[in-house]
C-alpha atoms as a PDB file:
ATOM      1  CA  MET A   1      92.201 115.129 149.665  1.00  0.00           C
ATOM      2  CA  THR A   2      90.200 115.452 146.474  1.00  0.00           C
ATOM      3  CA  MET A   3      89.080 112.238 144.805  1.00  0.00           C
ATOM      4  CA  ASN A   4      86.317 111.702 142.251  1.00  0.00           C
ATOM      5  CA  ASP A   5      83.643 109.052 141.734  1.00  0.00           C
ATOM      6  CA  TYR A   6      82.191 108.386 138.291  1.00  0.00           C
ATOM      7  CA  LEU A   7      79.109 106.557 137.087  1.00  0.00           C
ATOM      8  CA  VAL A   8      77.441 105.610 133.838  1.00  0.00           C
ATOM      9  CA  VAL A   9      73.700 105.964 133.269  1.00  0.00           C
ATOM     10  CA  LEU A  10      72.337 102.697 131.899  1.00  0.00           C
ATOM     11  CA  GLU A  11      68.770 103.938 131.381  1.00  0.00           C
ATOM     12  CA  ASN A  12      66.550 106.696 132.671  1.00  0.00           C
ATOM     13  CA  SER A  13      62.926 107.647 133.105  1.00  0.00           C
ATOM     14  CA  ASP A  14      61.466 111.084 133.784  1.00  0.00           C
ATOM     15  CA  LYS A  15      62.443 111.009 137.465  1.00  0.00           C
ATOM     16  CA  THR A  16      65.166 108.389 138.001  1.00  0.00           C
ATOM     17  CA  ALA A  17      68.296 107.031 136.352  1.00  0.00           C
ATOM     18  CA  ARG A  18      69.595 103.471 136.614  1.00  0.00           C
ATOM     19  CA  CYS A  19      73.367 103.746 137.071  1.00  0.00           C
ATOM     20  CA  VAL A  20      76.526 101.768 137.722  1.00  0.00           C
ATOM     21  CA  MET A  21      79.725 103.086 139.309  1.00  0.00           C
ATOM     22  CA  ILE A  22      82.843 102.942 137.133  1.00  0.00           C
ATOM     23  CA  GLY A  23      86.523 103.292 137.857  1.00  0.00           C
ATOM     24  CA  SER A  24      88.927 106.042 136.954  1.00  0.00           C
ATOM     25  CA  HIS A  25      92.513 106.567 135.965  1.00  0.00           C
ATOM     26  CA  VAL A  26      94.686 109.335 137.369  1.00  0.00           C
ATOM     27  CA  GLN A  27      97.440 111.365 135.765  1.00  0.00           C
ATOM     28  CA  ASN A  28     100.078 113.539 137.476  1.00  0.00           C
ATOM     29  CA  ASP A  29      99.062 113.078 141.119  1.00  0.00           C
ATOM     30  CA  ASP A  30     102.339 114.490 142.410  1.00  0.00           C
ATOM     31  CA  GLY A  31     100.962 116.199 145.537  1.00  0.00           C
ATOM     32  CA  MET A  32     101.349 119.644 143.972  1.00  0.00           C
ATOM     33  CA  GLY A  33      97.708 119.956 142.856  1.00  0.00           C
ATOM     34  CA  ARG A  34      98.323 119.063 139.221  1.00  0.00           C
ATOM     35  CA  GLY A  35      96.559 115.690 139.260  1.00  0.00           C
ATOM     36  CA  LYS A  36      93.626 114.925 136.977  1.00  0.00           C
ATOM     37  CA  SER A  37      91.218 112.004 137.114  1.00  0.00           C
ATOM     38  CA  PHE A  38      89.354 110.616 134.127  1.00  0.00           C
ATOM     39  CA  PRO A  39      86.433 108.151 134.002  1.00  0.00           C
ATOM     40  CA  ASP A  40      87.205 104.615 132.855  1.00  0.00           C
ATOM     41  CA  PRO A  41      83.937 103.017 131.681  1.00  0.00           C
ATOM     42  CA  GLU A  42      85.607  99.639 131.217  1.00  0.00           C
ATOM     43  CA  LYS A  43      85.912  99.260 135.010  1.00  0.00           C
ATOM     44  CA  ALA A  44      82.416  98.747 136.407  1.00  0.00           C
ATOM     45  CA  THR A  45      82.703  98.699 140.192  1.00  0.00           C
ATOM     46  CA  SER A  46      79.147  98.196 141.481  1.00  0.00           C
ATOM     47  CA  GLN A  47      75.789  96.594 140.955  1.00  0.00           C
ATOM     48  CA  PRO A  48      73.212  98.842 139.221  1.00  0.00           C
ATOM     49  CA  PHE A  49      71.355 101.309 141.445  1.00  0.00           C
ATOM     50  CA  ARG A  50      68.896 104.188 140.979  1.00  0.00           C
ATOM     51  CA  LEU A  51      69.381 107.910 141.572  1.00  0.00           C
ATOM     52  CA  ARG A  52      66.858 110.723 141.319  1.00  0.00           C
ATOM     53  CA  ILE A  53      67.169 113.164 138.440  1.00  0.00           C
ATOM     54  CA  LYS A  54      67.160 116.771 139.675  1.00  0.00           C
ATOM     55  CA  GLN A  55      67.049 119.821 137.438  1.00  0.00           C
ATOM     56  CA  TYR A  56      67.998 123.279 138.668  1.00  0.00           C
ATOM     57  CA  GLY A  57      67.316 126.165 136.338  1.00  0.00           C
ATOM     58  CA  ASP A  58      66.904 125.535 132.637  1.00  0.00           C
ATOM     59  CA  THR A  59      69.934 123.340 131.965  1.00  0.00           C
ATOM     60  CA  ASP A  60      71.647 122.148 135.171  1.00  0.00           C
ATOM     61  CA  ILE A  61      70.802 118.458 135.602  1.00  0.00           C
ATOM     62  CA  PHE A  62      72.181 116.418 138.497  1.00  0.00           C
ATOM     63  CA  LEU A  63      71.731 112.893 139.833  1.00  0.00           C
ATOM     64  CA  ARG A  64      71.213 112.603 143.582  1.00  0.00           C
ATOM     65  CA  GLY A  65      70.657 109.786 146.032  1.00  0.00           C
ATOM     66  CA  SER A  66      72.139 106.919 148.002  1.00  0.00           C
ATOM     67  CA  TYR A  67      74.167 104.035 146.685  1.00  0.00           C
ATOM     68  CA  GLU A  68      76.206 101.184 148.091  1.00  0.00           C
ATOM     69  CA  PHE A  69      79.712 102.233 149.113  1.00  0.00           C
ATOM     70  CA  CYS A  70      82.535 100.524 151.021  1.00  0.00           C
ATOM     71  CA  ASN A  71      81.762  97.277 152.882  1.00  0.00           C
ATOM     72  CA  GLY A  72      78.040  97.418 152.186  1.00  0.00           C
ATOM     73  CA  SER A  73      77.503 100.853 153.749  1.00  0.00           C
ATOM     74  CA  LYS A  74      75.417 103.529 152.015  1.00  0.00           C
ATOM     75  CA  ARG A  75      76.682 106.857 150.724  1.00  0.00           C
ATOM     76  CA  ARG A  76      74.555 109.824 149.659  1.00  0.00           C
ATOM     77  CA  ASP A  77      75.963 112.034 146.925  1.00  0.00           C
ATOM     78  CA  THR A  78      75.262 114.304 143.980  1.00  0.00           C
ATOM     79  CA  PHE A  79      76.683 113.629 140.532  1.00  0.00           C
ATOM     80  CA  MET A  80      77.171 116.256 137.852  1.00  0.00           C
ATOM     81  CA  PRO A  81      77.706 115.569 134.137  1.00  0.00           C
ATOM     82  CA  TYR A  82      81.335 114.913 133.255  1.00  0.00           C
ATOM     83  CA  THR A  83      83.014 117.416 130.989  1.00  0.00           C
ATOM     84  CA  ASN A  84      86.074 116.389 128.993  1.00  0.00           C
ATOM     85  CA  GLY A  85      89.529 117.374 130.243  1.00  0.00           C
ATOM     86  CA  GLY A  86      89.661 115.551 133.560  1.00  0.00           C
ATOM     87  CA  ASN A  87      88.739 116.638 137.057  1.00  0.00           C
ATOM     88  CA  TYR A  88      91.054 118.049 139.743  1.00  0.00           C
ATOM     89  CA  TYR A  89      92.523 115.188 141.785  1.00  0.00           C
ATOM     90  CA  ASN A  90      94.982 115.377 144.684  1.00  0.00           C
ATOM     91  CA  THR A  91      95.597 112.782 147.390  1.00  0.00           C
ATOM     92  CA  TRP A  92      98.003 115.128 149.205  1.00  0.00           C
ATOM     93  CA  ASP A  93      95.697 118.070 150.140  1.00  0.00           C
END
């Protein structure tokens, strides 16, 4: 199963970014691996939270840290910048 989480950066400092999770919309999830998910900034799904800004090499910038997930639990993850075109999505893997 391959599903994607998206966030929007509300503001950032040198070391942290204040973020909010947003929803997504999915196209062509037919179980054959052709599904794509796209961010939907109009669907905010969380309270703001902070992630650390990490830079690897000269240009690779990631956001990493813990945030509130299902039923008040915490989830630790790494977020990469979104590139247009949608991300692979398949609930049938």
